[in-house]
Amino acid sequence: MDNYLNTFREMISLRGLTDHTLKNYCTYIRAYLDYLSHFLLKAPEDVSWNELRDYIRWLQNSRNLSDRTINCAISQLRFFTIYVLHKTWDDTQLPFRRFDEYLPYVPSRQDTWTFISTMPDLKQKAMTALMYSSGLRIGEVCSLRYEDVDRKNLRLHITHGKNRHDRYAILSTAALDLLTIKALLGHKSLSSTAIYVHLASNGTGSAVSPFDRMAGVSRG
């Protein structure tokens, strides 16, 4: 089964997917190949749709997985079938699960301001303020460079963001005031957790960050 897994990794690499995606995709494909070796005693190309459905039921019951996670496993099986086995995939044979969606908890502006403004560590406070005010993803924060900080126009240049598109994000005046740029950027990169807020590359010049609104800052 190692040959199947190695081919699977190679196909993900050829598609240019990230290391994080590779690790995520391999999780349940490895479990699937182990299932075939220990339970079905079959090669992947010989597995029927009924047996695939049995595997999905076994996976959910044995690991107590959510429907959302099961959908990830199905998506990985689809990729494996198409790009490794070179067989067609029929969505009607193994449909994605429906699952309940819940609204996330959103703290009030006052709670957010209190949380950030009372952080004792200046570096952590500056990074958190920057992430909240600019709405960067994890990978975007990790790849942020010194030259991406446009202090004159109060914006951040985000390179190779989602779908590998460049864009501009708002740079909050209040967040900028917290940066001791040279000390905090260190090796010209920041690394921490980010909150996602979609910001189009156009229109950021007149937009005001919600962090600035909380701080009572306005642009001229």
N, C-alpha and C. Protein backbone atom coordinates (compact mmCIF):
# COMPACT_ATOMS: atom_id res chain seq x y z
N MET A 1 0.81 -1.21 0.00
CA MET A 1 0.00 0.00 0.00
C MET A 1 0.86 1.28 0.00
N ASP A 2 2.14 1.12 0.32
CA ASP A 2 3.00 2.30 0.36
C ASP A 2 3.12 2.95 -1.02
N ASN A 3 3.08 2.13 -2.06
CA ASN A 3 3.19 2.69 -3.41
C ASN A 3 2.01 3.59 -3.73
N TYR A 4 0.82 3.22 -3.27
CA TYR A 4 -0.36 4.06 -3.49
C TYR A 4 -0.22 5.39 -2.76
N LEU A 5 0.24 5.32 -1.53
CA LEU A 5 0.40 6.54 -0.74
C LEU A 5 1.46 7.44 -1.33
N ASN A 6 2.55 6.86 -1.81
CA ASN A 6 3.61 7.66 -2.42
C ASN A 6 3.13 8.33 -3.70
N THR A 7 2.35 7.60 -4.49
CA THR A 7 1.79 8.18 -5.72
C THR A 7 0.82 9.30 -5.38
N PHE A 8 0.05 9.08 -4.33
CA PHE A 8 -0.90 10.10 -3.87
C PHE A 8 -0.16 11.38 -3.49
N ARG A 9 0.92 11.25 -2.73
CA ARG A 9 1.73 12.41 -2.36
C ARG A 9 2.30 13.10 -3.60
N GLU A 10 2.76 12.31 -4.54
CA GLU A 10 3.35 12.88 -5.76
C GLU A 10 2.32 13.68 -6.55
N MET A 11 1.09 13.16 -6.64
CA MET A 11 0.07 13.85 -7.40
C MET A 11 -0.33 15.15 -6.73
N ILE A 12 -0.38 15.17 -5.41
CA ILE A 12 -0.65 16.41 -4.69
C ILE A 12 0.46 17.42 -4.95
N SER A 13 1.69 16.94 -4.92
CA SER A 13 2.83 17.81 -5.17
C SER A 13 2.80 18.37 -6.58
N LEU A 14 2.44 17.53 -7.57
CA LEU A 14 2.38 17.99 -8.96
C LEU A 14 1.30 19.04 -9.16
N ARG A 15 0.24 18.97 -8.38
CA ARG A 15 -0.82 19.98 -8.47
C ARG A 15 -0.44 21.28 -7.79
N GLY A 16 0.70 21.28 -7.11
CA GLY A 16 1.16 22.50 -6.47
C GLY A 16 0.45 22.82 -5.18
N LEU A 17 -0.15 21.81 -4.55
CA LEU A 17 -0.84 22.05 -3.28
C LEU A 17 0.17 22.20 -2.15
N THR A 18 -0.25 22.83 -1.08
CA THR A 18 0.66 23.16 0.00
C THR A 18 0.99 21.94 0.86
N ASP A 19 2.03 22.07 1.67
CA ASP A 19 2.41 21.00 2.59
C ASP A 19 1.29 20.72 3.59
N HIS A 20 0.60 21.78 4.00
CA HIS A 20 -0.52 21.62 4.94
C HIS A 20 -1.63 20.78 4.30
N THR A 21 -1.91 21.05 3.02
CA THR A 21 -2.92 20.27 2.31
C THR A 21 -2.47 18.83 2.15
N LEU A 22 -1.19 18.64 1.86
CA LEU A 22 -0.65 17.29 1.72
C LEU A 22 -0.85 16.50 3.01
N LYS A 23 -0.51 17.10 4.14
CA LYS A 23 -0.66 16.42 5.42
C LYS A 23 -2.12 16.12 5.71
N ASN A 24 -2.99 17.08 5.41
CA ASN A 24 -4.41 16.90 5.67
C ASN A 24 -5.00 15.80 4.79
N TYR A 25 -4.66 15.80 3.52
CA TYR A 25 -5.19 14.81 2.60
C TYR A 25 -4.70 13.40 2.93
N CYS A 26 -3.46 13.30 3.39
CA CYS A 26 -2.89 11.97 3.65
C CYS A 26 -3.48 11.31 4.89
N THR A 27 -4.06 12.10 5.77
CA THR A 27 -4.56 11.56 7.04
C THR A 27 -5.52 10.40 6.83
N TYR A 28 -6.57 10.63 6.05
CA TYR A 28 -7.59 9.60 5.90
C TYR A 28 -7.32 8.65 4.73
N ILE A 29 -6.47 9.07 3.80
CA ILE A 29 -6.06 8.11 2.77
C ILE A 29 -5.21 7.01 3.40
N ARG A 30 -4.34 7.39 4.33
CA ARG A 30 -3.55 6.39 5.04
C ARG A 30 -4.47 5.46 5.83
N ALA A 31 -5.49 6.03 6.47
CA ALA A 31 -6.45 5.21 7.22
C ALA A 31 -7.22 4.29 6.27
N TYR A 32 -7.54 4.80 5.08
CA TYR A 32 -8.26 3.99 4.10
C TYR A 32 -7.41 2.81 3.62
N LEU A 33 -6.15 3.06 3.34
CA LEU A 33 -5.27 2.00 2.88
C LEU A 33 -5.04 0.95 3.97
N ASP A 34 -4.96 1.40 5.21
CA ASP A 34 -4.84 0.46 6.34
C ASP A 34 -6.10 -0.39 6.46
N TYR A 35 -7.25 0.24 6.23
CA TYR A 35 -8.53 -0.49 6.28
C TYR A 35 -8.57 -1.59 5.22
N LEU A 36 -8.10 -1.26 4.03
CA LEU A 36 -8.08 -2.26 2.95
C LEU A 36 -7.13 -3.41 3.28
N SER A 37 -6.01 -3.08 3.91
CA SER A 37 -5.02 -4.12 4.22
C SER A 37 -5.47 -5.05 5.32
N HIS A 38 -6.18 -4.51 6.32
CA HIS A 38 -6.51 -5.29 7.50
C HIS A 38 -7.93 -5.86 7.50
N PHE A 39 -8.83 -5.26 6.73
CA PHE A 39 -10.22 -5.70 6.77
C PHE A 39 -10.70 -6.29 5.43
N LEU A 40 -10.55 -5.51 4.36
CA LEU A 40 -11.05 -5.99 3.07
C LEU A 40 -10.07 -6.92 2.35
N LEU A 41 -8.81 -6.71 2.62
CA LEU A 41 -7.76 -7.50 1.93
C LEU A 41 -7.90 -7.37 0.42
N LYS A 42 -8.07 -6.13 -0.02
CA LYS A 42 -8.24 -5.84 -1.44
C LYS A 42 -7.33 -4.69 -1.86
N ALA A 43 -7.02 -4.67 -3.13
CA ALA A 43 -6.32 -3.52 -3.71
C ALA A 43 -7.34 -2.40 -3.94
N PRO A 44 -6.94 -1.14 -3.87
CA PRO A 44 -7.88 -0.02 -4.02
C PRO A 44 -8.69 -0.06 -5.30
N GLU A 45 -8.08 -0.50 -6.41
CA GLU A 45 -8.80 -0.50 -7.68
C GLU A 45 -9.89 -1.56 -7.74
N ASP A 46 -9.88 -2.48 -6.79
CA ASP A 46 -10.89 -3.55 -6.79
C ASP A 46 -12.04 -3.28 -5.82
N VAL A 47 -12.02 -2.16 -5.15
CA VAL A 47 -13.04 -1.84 -4.15
C VAL A 47 -14.31 -1.36 -4.84
N SER A 48 -15.45 -1.88 -4.42
CA SER A 48 -16.74 -1.48 -5.00
C SER A 48 -17.29 -0.26 -4.29
N TRP A 49 -18.33 0.32 -4.88
CA TRP A 49 -18.98 1.47 -4.24
C TRP A 49 -19.60 1.08 -2.91
N ASN A 50 -20.18 -0.11 -2.84
CA ASN A 50 -20.74 -0.58 -1.57
C ASN A 50 -19.68 -0.67 -0.49
N GLU A 51 -18.50 -1.13 -0.87
CA GLU A 51 -17.42 -1.25 0.09
C GLU A 51 -16.87 0.12 0.50
N LEU A 52 -16.89 1.05 -0.44
CA LEU A 52 -16.49 2.42 -0.09
C LEU A 52 -17.48 3.03 0.91
N ARG A 53 -18.76 2.80 0.69
CA ARG A 53 -19.77 3.31 1.62
C ARG A 53 -19.62 2.65 2.99
N ASP A 54 -19.31 1.35 3.00
CA ASP A 54 -19.08 0.65 4.26
C ASP A 54 -17.88 1.24 5.00
N TYR A 55 -16.87 1.59 4.24
CA TYR A 55 -15.68 2.20 4.87
C TYR A 55 -16.03 3.53 5.53
N ILE A 56 -16.79 4.34 4.82
CA ILE A 56 -17.17 5.64 5.38
C ILE A 56 -17.99 5.46 6.66
N ARG A 57 -18.92 4.51 6.66
CA ARG A 57 -19.68 4.25 7.88
C ARG A 57 -18.78 3.76 9.02
N TRP A 58 -17.84 2.87 8.67
CA TRP A 58 -16.89 2.37 9.68
C TRP A 58 -16.04 3.50 10.23
N LEU A 59 -15.58 4.38 9.35
CA LEU A 59 -14.74 5.50 9.76
C LEU A 59 -15.47 6.40 10.73
N GLN A 60 -16.72 6.72 10.42
CA GLN A 60 -17.48 7.62 11.29
C GLN A 60 -17.79 6.96 12.63
N ASN A 61 -18.16 5.70 12.60
CA ASN A 61 -18.53 5.03 13.85
C ASN A 61 -17.33 4.73 14.73
N SER A 62 -16.23 4.30 14.13
CA SER A 62 -15.05 3.91 14.92
C SER A 62 -14.32 5.11 15.50
N ARG A 63 -14.41 6.25 14.82
CA ARG A 63 -13.68 7.43 15.28
C ARG A 63 -14.60 8.55 15.77
N ASN A 64 -15.90 8.30 15.70
CA ASN A 64 -16.88 9.29 16.17
C ASN A 64 -16.65 10.66 15.51
N LEU A 65 -16.56 10.64 14.19
CA LEU A 65 -16.25 11.86 13.45
C LEU A 65 -17.51 12.63 13.09
N SER A 66 -17.37 13.92 12.96
CA SER A 66 -18.48 14.77 12.56
C SER A 66 -18.74 14.61 11.07
N ASP A 67 -19.92 15.03 10.63
CA ASP A 67 -20.25 14.96 9.20
C ASP A 67 -19.33 15.86 8.39
N ARG A 68 -18.92 16.96 8.96
CA ARG A 68 -18.00 17.85 8.25
C ARG A 68 -16.66 17.16 7.99
N THR A 69 -16.16 16.43 8.99
CA THR A 69 -14.90 15.71 8.83
C THR A 69 -15.04 14.56 7.86
N ILE A 70 -16.18 13.89 7.90
CA ILE A 70 -16.44 12.81 6.95
C ILE A 70 -16.43 13.34 5.52
N ASN A 71 -16.94 14.53 5.31
CA ASN A 71 -16.89 15.14 3.98
C ASN A 71 -15.46 15.36 3.52
N CYS A 72 -14.58 15.69 4.45
CA CYS A 72 -13.16 15.84 4.09
C CYS A 72 -12.59 14.50 3.65
N ALA A 73 -12.97 13.44 4.35
CA ALA A 73 -12.48 12.10 3.99
C ALA A 73 -12.99 11.69 2.61
N ILE A 74 -14.25 12.00 2.33
CA ILE A 74 -14.82 11.69 1.01
C ILE A 74 -14.09 12.46 -0.08
N SER A 75 -13.80 13.72 0.20
CA SER A 75 -13.08 14.55 -0.77
C SER A 75 -11.70 13.97 -1.07
N GLN A 76 -11.04 13.45 -0.04
CA GLN A 76 -9.73 12.84 -0.23
C GLN A 76 -9.82 11.54 -1.03
N LEU A 77 -10.88 10.77 -0.78
CA LEU A 77 -11.10 9.55 -1.56
C LEU A 77 -11.36 9.88 -3.03
N ARG A 78 -12.06 10.95 -3.25
CA ARG A 78 -12.34 11.39 -4.63
C ARG A 78 -11.03 11.73 -5.35
N PHE A 79 -10.17 12.50 -4.68
CA PHE A 79 -8.87 12.85 -5.26
C PHE A 79 -8.06 11.60 -5.54
N PHE A 80 -8.04 10.68 -4.60
CA PHE A 80 -7.28 9.43 -4.73
C PHE A 80 -7.79 8.61 -5.91
N THR A 81 -9.09 8.52 -6.05
CA THR A 81 -9.68 7.72 -7.13
C THR A 81 -9.36 8.30 -8.51
N ILE A 82 -9.44 9.62 -8.62
CA ILE A 82 -9.24 10.28 -9.91
C ILE A 82 -7.76 10.35 -10.29
N TYR A 83 -6.90 10.77 -9.35
CA TYR A 83 -5.51 11.08 -9.70
C TYR A 83 -4.53 9.94 -9.44
N VAL A 84 -4.91 8.97 -8.63
CA VAL A 84 -4.02 7.83 -8.39
C VAL A 84 -4.50 6.59 -9.13
N LEU A 85 -5.80 6.30 -9.00
CA LEU A 85 -6.34 5.12 -9.66
C LEU A 85 -6.76 5.40 -11.10
N HIS A 86 -6.88 6.68 -11.45
CA HIS A 86 -7.29 7.11 -12.80
C HIS A 86 -8.65 6.51 -13.17
N LYS A 87 -9.54 6.52 -12.21
CA LYS A 87 -10.90 6.07 -12.41
C LYS A 87 -11.86 7.23 -12.22
N THR A 88 -13.04 7.12 -12.81
CA THR A 88 -14.03 8.19 -12.68
C THR A 88 -14.67 8.14 -11.29
N TRP A 89 -15.10 9.28 -10.83
CA TRP A 89 -15.77 9.38 -9.53
C TRP A 89 -17.23 9.75 -9.76
N ASP A 90 -18.13 9.04 -9.10
CA ASP A 90 -19.56 9.26 -9.24
C ASP A 90 -20.09 9.83 -7.92
N ASP A 91 -20.44 11.11 -7.94
CA ASP A 91 -20.93 11.77 -6.72
C ASP A 91 -22.22 11.16 -6.19
N THR A 92 -22.98 10.52 -7.08
CA THR A 92 -24.24 9.93 -6.64
C THR A 92 -24.02 8.64 -5.86
N GLN A 93 -22.84 8.06 -5.96
CA GLN A 93 -22.55 6.83 -5.25
C GLN A 93 -22.09 7.08 -3.81
N LEU A 94 -21.44 8.20 -3.61
CA LEU A 94 -20.95 8.54 -2.28
C LEU A 94 -21.09 10.04 -2.07
N PRO A 95 -22.32 10.49 -1.79
CA PRO A 95 -22.58 11.94 -1.68
C PRO A 95 -22.00 12.52 -0.40
N PHE A 96 -21.79 13.82 -0.44
CA PHE A 96 -21.33 14.52 0.75
C PHE A 96 -22.46 14.60 1.78
N ARG A 97 -22.09 14.61 3.05
CA ARG A 97 -23.06 14.68 4.13
C ARG A 97 -23.54 16.11 4.32
N ARG A 98 -24.79 16.24 4.73
CA ARG A 98 -25.29 17.53 5.17
C ARG A 98 -25.01 17.67 6.65
N PHE A 99 -24.71 18.87 7.09
CA PHE A 99 -24.41 19.06 8.50
C PHE A 99 -24.97 20.40 8.97
N ASP A 100 -25.19 20.49 10.28
CA ASP A 100 -25.72 21.72 10.86
C ASP A 100 -24.64 22.79 10.87
N GLU A 101 -25.07 24.00 10.61
CA GLU A 101 -24.14 25.13 10.65
C GLU A 101 -24.57 26.07 11.76
N TYR A 102 -23.59 26.53 12.51
CA TYR A 102 -23.86 27.42 13.62
C TYR A 102 -23.08 28.71 13.45
N LEU A 103 -23.68 29.79 13.88
CA LEU A 103 -22.98 31.07 13.82
C LEU A 103 -21.89 31.09 14.88
N PRO A 104 -20.72 31.56 14.52
CA PRO A 104 -19.63 31.61 15.50
C PRO A 104 -19.89 32.71 16.54
N TYR A 105 -19.27 32.56 17.69
CA TYR A 105 -19.37 33.59 18.72
C TYR A 105 -18.56 34.80 18.27
N VAL A 106 -19.17 35.96 18.32
CA VAL A 106 -18.49 37.20 17.93
C VAL A 106 -18.50 38.13 19.13
N PRO A 107 -17.35 38.42 19.70
CA PRO A 107 -17.30 39.33 20.85
C PRO A 107 -17.69 40.74 20.45
N SER A 108 -18.16 41.50 21.41
CA SER A 108 -18.53 42.88 21.14
C SER A 108 -17.28 43.71 20.88
N ARG A 109 -17.48 44.88 20.32
CA ARG A 109 -16.35 45.77 20.06
C ARG A 109 -15.65 46.13 21.36
N GLN A 110 -16.43 46.35 22.41
CA GLN A 110 -15.84 46.70 23.70
C GLN A 110 -15.01 45.55 24.26
N ASP A 111 -15.55 44.33 24.15
CA ASP A 111 -14.80 43.16 24.64
C ASP A 111 -13.50 42.98 23.85
N THR A 112 -13.57 43.19 22.54
CA THR A 112 -12.38 43.05 21.71
C THR A 112 -11.33 44.09 22.07
N TRP A 113 -11.78 45.32 22.23
CA TRP A 113 -10.86 46.40 22.58
C TRP A 113 -10.22 46.15 23.94
N THR A 114 -11.03 45.68 24.90
CA THR A 114 -10.50 45.41 26.23
C THR A 114 -9.47 44.30 26.19
N PHE A 115 -9.76 43.25 25.41
CA PHE A 115 -8.85 42.12 25.31
C PHE A 115 -7.50 42.54 24.75
N ILE A 116 -7.52 43.31 23.67
CA ILE A 116 -6.27 43.70 23.02
C ILE A 116 -5.52 44.76 23.82
N SER A 117 -6.25 45.75 24.29
CA SER A 117 -5.59 46.88 24.96
C SER A 117 -4.98 46.51 26.30
N THR A 118 -5.46 45.44 26.92
CA THR A 118 -4.92 45.05 28.23
C THR A 118 -3.86 43.98 28.15
N MET A 119 -3.46 43.59 26.96
CA MET A 119 -2.38 42.59 26.83
C MET A 119 -1.09 43.21 27.34
N PRO A 120 -0.40 42.55 28.29
CA PRO A 120 0.78 43.16 28.90
C PRO A 120 2.02 43.16 28.01
N ASP A 121 2.12 42.17 27.11
CA ASP A 121 3.30 42.07 26.26
C ASP A 121 3.12 42.92 25.01
N LEU A 122 4.01 43.90 24.81
CA LEU A 122 3.86 44.84 23.70
C LEU A 122 3.91 44.14 22.35
N LYS A 123 4.81 43.16 22.23
CA LYS A 123 4.93 42.47 20.95
C LYS A 123 3.66 41.70 20.63
N GLN A 124 3.14 40.96 21.61
CA GLN A 124 1.90 40.21 21.39
C GLN A 124 0.73 41.15 21.12
N LYS A 125 0.70 42.27 21.82
CA LYS A 125 -0.38 43.24 21.61
C LYS A 125 -0.33 43.81 20.20
N ALA A 126 0.86 44.16 19.73
CA ALA A 126 1.00 44.74 18.39
C ALA A 126 0.62 43.72 17.32
N MET A 127 1.03 42.47 17.49
CA MET A 127 0.72 41.44 16.51
C MET A 127 -0.78 41.14 16.48
N THR A 128 -1.38 41.06 17.67
CA THR A 128 -2.82 40.80 17.74
C THR A 128 -3.62 41.94 17.13
N ALA A 129 -3.21 43.16 17.42
CA ALA A 129 -3.90 44.32 16.85
C ALA A 129 -3.77 44.35 15.34
N LEU A 130 -2.59 44.00 14.86
CA LEU A 130 -2.36 43.98 13.41
C LEU A 130 -3.22 42.92 12.74
N MET A 131 -3.29 41.74 13.35
CA MET A 131 -4.08 40.66 12.76
C MET A 131 -5.57 40.98 12.77
N TYR A 132 -6.05 41.50 13.90
CA TYR A 132 -7.47 41.81 13.99
C TYR A 132 -7.85 42.92 13.02
N SER A 133 -7.06 43.96 12.97
CA SER A 133 -7.42 45.12 12.16
C SER A 133 -7.28 44.87 10.66
N SER A 134 -6.37 43.96 10.28
CA SER A 134 -6.13 43.71 8.86
C SER A 134 -6.80 42.45 8.34
N GLY A 135 -7.21 41.56 9.25
CA GLY A 135 -7.93 40.35 8.84
C GLY A 135 -7.10 39.37 8.04
N LEU A 136 -5.90 39.08 8.51
CA LEU A 136 -5.01 38.20 7.76
C LEU A 136 -5.21 36.74 8.15
N ARG A 137 -4.96 35.86 7.19
CA ARG A 137 -4.95 34.44 7.47
C ARG A 137 -3.59 34.05 8.06
N ILE A 138 -3.52 32.83 8.56
CA ILE A 138 -2.29 32.37 9.20
C ILE A 138 -1.10 32.45 8.25
N GLY A 139 -1.28 31.87 7.04
CA GLY A 139 -0.19 31.85 6.08
C GLY A 139 0.22 33.25 5.64
N GLU A 140 -0.75 34.16 5.58
CA GLU A 140 -0.45 35.53 5.16
C GLU A 140 0.35 36.26 6.23
N VAL A 141 0.04 36.00 7.49
CA VAL A 141 0.79 36.61 8.57
C VAL A 141 2.22 36.08 8.59
N CYS A 142 2.35 34.78 8.39
CA CYS A 142 3.68 34.16 8.41
C CYS A 142 4.58 34.69 7.30
N SER A 143 4.00 35.07 6.17
CA SER A 143 4.81 35.51 5.03
C SER A 143 4.91 37.02 4.92
N LEU A 144 4.35 37.74 5.89
CA LEU A 144 4.41 39.21 5.85
C LEU A 144 5.84 39.70 6.01
N ARG A 145 6.26 40.60 5.11
CA ARG A 145 7.62 41.12 5.13
C ARG A 145 7.62 42.60 5.47
N TYR A 146 8.77 43.10 5.84
CA TYR A 146 8.91 44.52 6.19
C TYR A 146 8.43 45.42 5.06
N GLU A 147 8.83 45.07 3.83
CA GLU A 147 8.48 45.92 2.69
C GLU A 147 7.01 45.85 2.32
N ASP A 148 6.27 44.92 2.91
CA ASP A 148 4.83 44.82 2.65
C ASP A 148 4.03 45.82 3.48
N VAL A 149 4.69 46.46 4.46
CA VAL A 149 4.01 47.43 5.32
C VAL A 149 4.13 48.81 4.70
N ASP A 150 3.02 49.29 4.13
CA ASP A 150 2.99 50.60 3.48
C ASP A 150 2.44 51.61 4.49
N ARG A 151 3.35 52.24 5.24
CA ARG A 151 2.92 53.16 6.30
C ARG A 151 2.36 54.46 5.75
N LYS A 152 2.82 54.86 4.58
CA LYS A 152 2.34 56.11 3.99
C LYS A 152 0.89 56.01 3.59
N ASN A 153 0.51 54.91 2.95
CA ASN A 153 -0.87 54.72 2.48
C ASN A 153 -1.72 53.87 3.43
N LEU A 154 -1.12 53.50 4.56
CA LEU A 154 -1.82 52.72 5.58
C LEU A 154 -2.47 51.46 4.99
N ARG A 155 -1.63 50.63 4.41
CA ARG A 155 -2.12 49.37 3.86
C ARG A 155 -1.01 48.33 3.90
N LEU A 156 -1.41 47.07 3.84
CA LEU A 156 -0.48 45.96 3.81
C LEU A 156 -0.59 45.27 2.45
N HIS A 157 0.55 44.93 1.89
CA HIS A 157 0.57 44.18 0.63
C HIS A 157 0.62 42.70 0.96
N ILE A 158 -0.44 41.97 0.65
CA ILE A 158 -0.51 40.55 0.93
C ILE A 158 -0.17 39.79 -0.35
N THR A 159 0.92 39.05 -0.30
CA THR A 159 1.37 38.30 -1.48
C THR A 159 0.99 36.84 -1.37
N HIS A 160 0.53 36.28 -2.47
CA HIS A 160 0.18 34.87 -2.55
C HIS A 160 -0.78 34.47 -1.43
N GLY A 161 -1.89 35.20 -1.37
CA GLY A 161 -2.92 34.87 -0.39
C GLY A 161 -3.75 33.70 -0.87
N LYS A 162 -5.03 33.65 -0.46
CA LYS A 162 -5.89 32.55 -0.87
C LYS A 162 -6.00 32.53 -2.39
N ASN A 163 -5.96 31.34 -2.96
CA ASN A 163 -5.96 31.15 -4.41
C ASN A 163 -4.75 31.80 -5.07
N ARG A 164 -3.71 32.09 -4.24
CA ARG A 164 -2.45 32.65 -4.73
C ARG A 164 -2.62 34.01 -5.41
N HIS A 165 -3.56 34.78 -4.92
CA HIS A 165 -3.79 36.11 -5.44
C HIS A 165 -3.20 37.15 -4.48
N ASP A 166 -2.56 38.17 -5.03
CA ASP A 166 -2.09 39.29 -4.23
C ASP A 166 -3.25 40.23 -3.95
N ARG A 167 -3.20 40.92 -2.83
CA ARG A 167 -4.22 41.91 -2.52
C ARG A 167 -3.67 42.90 -1.50
N TYR A 168 -4.42 43.95 -1.25
CA TYR A 168 -4.08 44.91 -0.21
C TYR A 168 -5.08 44.79 0.93
N ALA A 169 -4.58 44.95 2.14
CA ALA A 169 -5.43 44.95 3.33
C ALA A 169 -5.22 46.24 4.09
N ILE A 170 -6.21 46.64 4.83
CA ILE A 170 -6.14 47.86 5.63
C ILE A 170 -5.04 47.74 6.68
N LEU A 171 -4.28 48.81 6.85
CA LEU A 171 -3.33 48.91 7.95
C LEU A 171 -3.87 49.93 8.94
N SER A 172 -4.31 49.47 10.08
CA SER A 172 -4.89 50.34 11.09
C SER A 172 -3.86 51.32 11.66
N THR A 173 -4.27 52.56 11.82
CA THR A 173 -3.40 53.56 12.42
C THR A 173 -3.06 53.19 13.85
N ALA A 174 -4.07 52.70 14.58
CA ALA A 174 -3.83 52.30 15.97
C ALA A 174 -2.88 51.12 16.05
N ALA A 175 -3.00 50.18 15.13
CA ALA A 175 -2.09 49.03 15.12
C ALA A 175 -0.69 49.46 14.72
N LEU A 176 -0.59 50.38 13.76
CA LEU A 176 0.71 50.87 13.33
C LEU A 176 1.42 51.58 14.46
N ASP A 177 0.68 52.31 15.27
CA ASP A 177 1.28 53.02 16.40
C ASP A 177 1.91 52.07 17.41
N LEU A 178 1.44 50.83 17.47
CA LEU A 178 1.99 49.85 18.41
C LEU A 178 3.28 49.21 17.91
N LEU A 179 3.58 49.33 16.64
CA LEU A 179 4.76 48.67 16.07
C LEU A 179 6.02 49.54 16.38
N THR A 180 6.93 48.81 17.03
CA THR A 180 8.35 49.18 17.01
C THR A 180 8.95 48.31 15.94
N ILE A 181 8.63 48.77 14.55
CA ILE A 181 8.79 47.97 13.34
C ILE A 181 10.07 47.16 13.31
N LYS A 182 11.20 47.77 13.54
CA LYS A 182 12.47 47.06 13.42
C LYS A 182 12.57 45.92 14.43
N ALA A 183 12.14 46.17 15.66
CA ALA A 183 12.27 45.15 16.70
C ALA A 183 11.26 44.02 16.52
N LEU A 184 10.04 44.36 16.11
CA LEU A 184 9.00 43.35 16.04
C LEU A 184 9.11 42.49 14.80
N LEU A 185 9.55 43.05 13.70
CA LEU A 185 9.62 42.25 12.48
C LEU A 185 10.83 41.32 12.47
N GLY A 186 11.86 41.68 13.20
CA GLY A 186 13.00 40.78 13.34
C GLY A 186 13.54 40.33 12.00
N HIS A 187 13.23 39.10 11.62
CA HIS A 187 13.69 38.53 10.36
C HIS A 187 12.73 38.84 9.23
N LYS A 188 12.04 39.95 9.34
CA LYS A 188 11.10 40.41 8.31
C LYS A 188 9.92 39.47 8.13
N SER A 189 9.45 38.88 9.22
CA SER A 189 8.26 38.04 9.14
C SER A 189 7.56 38.03 10.48
N LEU A 190 6.26 37.81 10.44
CA LEU A 190 5.46 37.66 11.65
C LEU A 190 4.81 36.29 11.61
N SER A 191 4.63 35.67 12.75
CA SER A 191 4.03 34.35 12.79
C SER A 191 3.09 34.23 13.98
N SER A 192 1.79 34.06 13.69
CA SER A 192 0.80 33.84 14.75
C SER A 192 -0.52 33.50 14.12
N THR A 193 -1.61 33.43 14.94
CA THR A 193 -2.94 33.08 14.45
C THR A 193 -3.61 34.30 13.86
N ALA A 194 -4.45 34.11 12.83
CA ALA A 194 -5.12 35.22 12.18
C ALA A 194 -6.62 35.01 12.13
N ILE A 195 -7.37 36.11 12.12
CA ILE A 195 -8.81 36.07 11.94
C ILE A 195 -9.10 36.48 10.51
N TYR A 196 -9.93 35.71 9.81
CA TYR A 196 -10.19 35.98 8.39
C TYR A 196 -11.29 37.01 8.22
N VAL A 197 -10.98 38.09 7.50
CA VAL A 197 -11.96 39.07 7.06
C VAL A 197 -11.60 39.41 5.62
N HIS A 198 -12.51 39.19 4.67
CA HIS A 198 -12.19 39.41 3.26
C HIS A 198 -12.06 40.90 2.97
N LEU A 199 -10.94 41.30 2.39
CA LEU A 199 -10.69 42.69 2.04
C LEU A 199 -10.28 42.75 0.56
N ALA A 200 -11.05 43.42 -0.24
CA ALA A 200 -10.72 43.53 -1.67
C ALA A 200 -9.52 44.45 -1.83
N SER A 201 -8.77 44.24 -2.91
CA SER A 201 -7.57 45.04 -3.13
C SER A 201 -7.91 46.47 -3.51
N ASN A 202 -9.11 46.71 -4.02
CA ASN A 202 -9.50 48.07 -4.34
C ASN A 202 -10.37 48.61 -3.20
N GLY A 203 -10.31 49.89 -3.01
CA GLY A 203 -11.17 50.51 -2.02
C GLY A 203 -10.58 50.56 -0.63
N THR A 204 -9.39 50.06 -0.41
CA THR A 204 -8.84 50.08 0.93
C THR A 204 -8.34 51.47 1.32
N GLY A 205 -8.15 52.32 0.32
CA GLY A 205 -7.64 53.65 0.64
C GLY A 205 -8.60 54.48 1.46
N SER A 206 -9.91 54.32 1.26
CA SER A 206 -10.89 55.11 1.99
C SER A 206 -11.54 54.33 3.12
N ALA A 207 -11.20 53.05 3.24
CA ALA A 207 -11.81 52.23 4.28
C ALA A 207 -11.14 52.49 5.62
N VAL A 208 -11.89 52.30 6.68
CA VAL A 208 -11.39 52.49 8.03
C VAL A 208 -11.45 51.16 8.76
N SER A 209 -10.35 50.78 9.37
CA SER A 209 -10.31 49.53 10.10
C SER A 209 -11.23 49.60 11.30
N PRO A 210 -11.94 48.49 11.63
CA PRO A 210 -12.77 48.48 12.82
C PRO A 210 -11.95 48.69 14.09
N PHE A 211 -10.67 48.33 14.05
CA PHE A 211 -9.82 48.54 15.20
C PHE A 211 -9.61 50.04 15.44
N ASP A 212 -9.52 50.82 14.35
CA ASP A 212 -9.38 52.26 14.49
C ASP A 212 -10.68 52.87 15.03
N ARG A 213 -11.82 52.31 14.59
CA ARG A 213 -13.10 52.83 15.10
C ARG A 213 -13.18 52.63 16.61
N MET A 214 -12.73 51.47 17.08
CA MET A 214 -12.75 51.22 18.52
C MET A 214 -11.81 52.14 19.25
N ALA A 215 -10.70 52.47 18.61
CA ALA A 215 -9.72 53.34 19.25
C ALA A 215 -10.04 54.81 19.09
N GLY A 216 -11.08 55.10 18.30
CA GLY A 216 -11.47 56.49 18.08
C GLY A 216 -10.59 57.22 17.10
N VAL A 217 -9.98 56.47 16.20
CA VAL A 217 -9.09 57.07 15.20
C VAL A 217 -9.83 57.20 13.89
N SER A 218 -9.67 58.30 13.19
CA SER A 218 -10.29 58.50 11.88
C SER A 218 -9.25 59.02 10.92
N ARG A 219 -9.48 58.74 9.66
CA ARG A 219 -8.57 59.25 8.63
C ARG A 219 -9.02 60.61 8.18
N GLY A 220 -8.05 61.38 7.73
CA GLY A 220 -8.35 62.72 7.31
C GLY A 220 -9.12 62.79 6.02
